[in-house]
Protein backbone atom coordinates (compact mmCIF):
# COMPACT_ATOMS: atom_id res chain seq x y z
CA MET A 1 127.34 147.98 107.68
CA ASN A 2 128.72 148.98 104.28
CA ILE A 3 132.49 149.06 103.97
CA LYS A 4 134.02 150.57 100.86
CA ILE A 5 137.70 150.74 100.03
CA VAL A 6 138.69 153.32 97.45
CA CYS A 7 142.20 152.70 96.20
CA VAL A 8 144.49 153.90 93.47
CA GLY A 9 145.62 151.38 90.87
CA LYS A 10 144.91 147.78 90.09
CA ILE A 11 146.30 144.72 91.81
CA LYS A 12 148.95 143.20 89.56
CA GLU A 13 150.24 140.24 91.57
CA LYS A 14 148.10 137.12 91.80
CA PHE A 15 149.03 136.46 95.45
CA TYR A 16 147.66 139.86 96.49
CA SER A 17 144.45 139.21 94.54
CA GLN A 18 144.04 135.83 96.22
CA ALA A 19 144.50 137.34 99.68
CA ILE A 20 142.02 140.13 98.89
CA GLU A 21 139.46 137.58 97.65
CA GLU A 22 139.91 135.49 100.80
CA TYR A 23 139.35 138.42 103.17
CA ALA A 24 136.42 139.67 101.08
CA LYS A 25 134.84 136.22 101.43
CA ARG A 26 135.45 136.18 105.19
CA LEU A 27 134.04 139.68 105.60
CA SER A 28 130.85 138.86 103.70
CA ARG A 29 129.22 137.52 106.88
CA TYR A 30 129.83 140.80 108.74
CA CYS A 31 129.40 143.60 106.19
CA LYS A 32 128.81 144.50 102.59
CA LEU A 33 132.24 145.13 101.05
CA LYS A 34 132.91 147.13 97.90
CA ILE A 35 136.35 147.83 96.47
CA VAL A 36 136.65 150.74 94.05
CA GLU A 37 139.85 151.05 92.05
CA VAL A 38 140.61 154.41 90.49
CA VAL A 39 143.16 154.82 87.71
CA ASP A 40 146.69 155.64 88.80
CA GLU A 41 148.94 158.09 87.01
CA LYS A 42 152.31 157.14 85.59
CA THR A 43 155.00 158.54 87.87
CA PRO A 44 158.23 159.38 86.07
CA ASP A 45 161.53 158.67 87.80
CA ASN A 46 163.10 161.73 89.41
CA ALA A 47 159.91 163.76 88.92
CA SER A 48 159.83 167.25 90.38
CA VAL A 49 157.72 168.11 93.42
CA ALA A 50 155.34 170.00 91.11
CA ILE A 51 154.85 166.96 88.86
CA ASN A 52 154.33 164.68 91.88
CA ASP A 53 151.80 167.14 93.34
CA GLY A 54 149.98 167.19 90.01
CA ILE A 55 149.84 163.40 89.97
CA LYS A 56 148.47 163.29 93.52
CA PHE A 57 145.92 165.97 92.62
CA LYS A 58 144.62 163.99 89.60
CA GLU A 59 144.44 160.77 91.62
CA GLY A 60 142.78 162.70 94.45
CA GLN A 61 140.07 164.01 92.12
CA ARG A 62 139.32 160.44 91.04
CA ILE A 63 139.18 159.31 94.68
CA LEU A 64 136.85 162.16 95.67
CA SER A 65 134.51 161.39 92.76
CA SER A 66 134.10 157.87 94.23
CA ILE A 67 132.99 159.14 97.65
CA GLU A 68 129.38 159.97 98.49
CA SER A 69 128.42 162.74 100.90
CA ASN A 70 126.91 160.29 103.43
CA GLU A 71 130.10 158.24 103.80
CA TYR A 72 132.35 158.38 106.84
CA VAL A 73 135.82 158.57 105.30
CA ILE A 74 138.94 157.10 106.88
CA ALA A 75 142.06 158.06 104.95
CA LEU A 76 145.15 155.93 105.36
CA CYS A 77 148.20 158.15 105.67
CA ILE A 78 151.46 158.17 107.62
CA GLU A 79 150.45 161.38 109.42
CA GLY A 80 147.26 159.79 110.75
CA LYS A 81 146.56 158.42 114.21
CA GLN A 82 147.85 154.97 115.02
CA LEU A 83 145.33 152.58 116.56
CA ASP A 84 145.73 149.03 117.75
CA SER A 85 143.32 146.36 116.52
CA VAL A 86 140.98 146.67 119.49
CA GLU A 87 140.82 150.46 119.10
CA LEU A 88 140.00 150.08 115.40
CA SER A 89 137.25 147.57 116.21
CA ASN A 90 135.84 149.97 118.82
CA ARG A 91 135.82 152.82 116.28
CA ILE A 92 134.02 150.71 113.64
CA ASN A 93 131.52 149.49 116.23
CA GLN A 94 130.91 153.02 117.55
CA LEU A 95 130.32 154.35 114.04
CA GLY A 96 127.63 151.71 113.60
CA ILE A 97 126.03 152.65 116.92
CA GLU A 98 126.01 156.30 115.81
CA GLY A 99 124.15 155.30 112.64
CA LYS A 100 127.09 155.79 110.31
CA SER A 101 126.60 152.67 108.23
CA ASN A 102 128.73 153.70 105.24
CA ILE A 103 132.44 153.64 106.05
CA THR A 104 134.92 154.34 103.29
CA PHE A 105 138.63 153.65 103.67
CA VAL A 106 140.95 155.41 101.21
CA ILE A 107 144.35 154.11 100.11
CA GLY A 108 146.40 156.46 97.96
CA GLY A 109 148.83 155.63 95.20
CA SER A 110 152.59 155.35 95.37
CA LEU A 111 152.94 159.08 96.15
CA GLY A 112 150.32 159.12 98.88
CA LEU A 113 147.13 161.16 99.13
CA ALA A 114 146.34 164.64 97.88
CA GLN A 115 145.56 167.23 100.56
CA THR A 116 142.04 167.53 99.16
CA VAL A 117 141.41 163.88 100.09
CA ILE A 118 142.92 164.29 103.54
CA LYS A 119 140.71 167.36 104.12
CA ARG A 120 137.61 165.36 103.10
CA ALA A 121 138.49 162.57 105.53
CA ASP A 122 136.61 162.32 108.81
CA PHE A 123 139.54 160.45 110.34
CA CYS A 124 143.14 159.84 109.26
CA LEU A 125 144.55 156.43 110.17
CA SER A 126 148.18 155.38 110.16
CA PHE A 127 149.21 151.75 110.25
CA SER A 128 152.85 152.67 110.84
CA LYS A 129 155.44 155.34 110.23
CA MET A 130 156.84 152.96 107.63
CA THR A 131 155.80 153.07 103.99
CA PHE A 132 154.06 150.02 102.51
CA PRO A 133 153.31 149.23 98.87
CA HIS A 134 149.72 150.35 98.24
CA GLN A 135 148.83 146.89 96.89
CA LEU A 136 150.01 145.22 100.09
CA MET A 137 148.24 147.87 102.15
CA ARG A 138 144.93 146.75 100.70
CA VAL A 139 145.54 143.23 102.05
CA ILE A 140 146.66 144.55 105.45
CA LEU A 141 143.61 146.82 105.70
CA LEU A 142 141.19 144.01 104.82
CA GLU A 143 142.80 141.75 107.40
CA GLN A 144 142.44 144.43 110.07
CA ILE A 145 138.80 145.08 109.18
CA TYR A 146 138.15 141.34 109.40
CA ARG A 147 139.98 141.21 112.73
CA ALA A 148 137.90 144.16 113.95
CA TYR A 149 134.66 142.33 113.20
CA LYS A 150 135.92 139.20 114.94
CA ILE A 151 136.69 141.34 118.01
CA ILE A 152 133.30 143.09 117.86
CA GLN A 153 131.54 139.71 117.69
CA LYS A 154 133.76 138.35 120.49
CA GLU A 155 134.82 135.50 118.23
CA PRO A 156 138.24 133.84 118.45
CA TYR A 157 140.92 135.02 116.01
CA HIS A 158 142.57 138.19 117.22
CA LYS A 159 145.09 136.74 119.71
């Protein structure tokens, strides 16, 4: 299974980078992981809706250019469906059974995802109705993917 995470912006804090590296190492026995960072746009304070939409559009174009046509895309957005860890593991496992071996998760920037990205997604996933920093979301997503593989393999961890 190939797992790709397309995300906006670079990780700035060392503790996030360390956590990402740790989960990437753990996941290496279950899947091939690739993280693609696309450039984020500067967001001015008190920007208008039009400016924010333009920023999301530009970031969305960069995200879409990183996605291949054969990838099953899961976009992370507040409006998506909430799954528990077992349900996420079942979805990942089922995709593999169906022959969909290229799964791409998309994490937007600080303003969220452009509608063009959401329309391209095969599934929209919400971790919560709360908003999380996109850098932290990368760590949370990796942990949940790792947890999903532990569940699929019926290995201890997920309790």
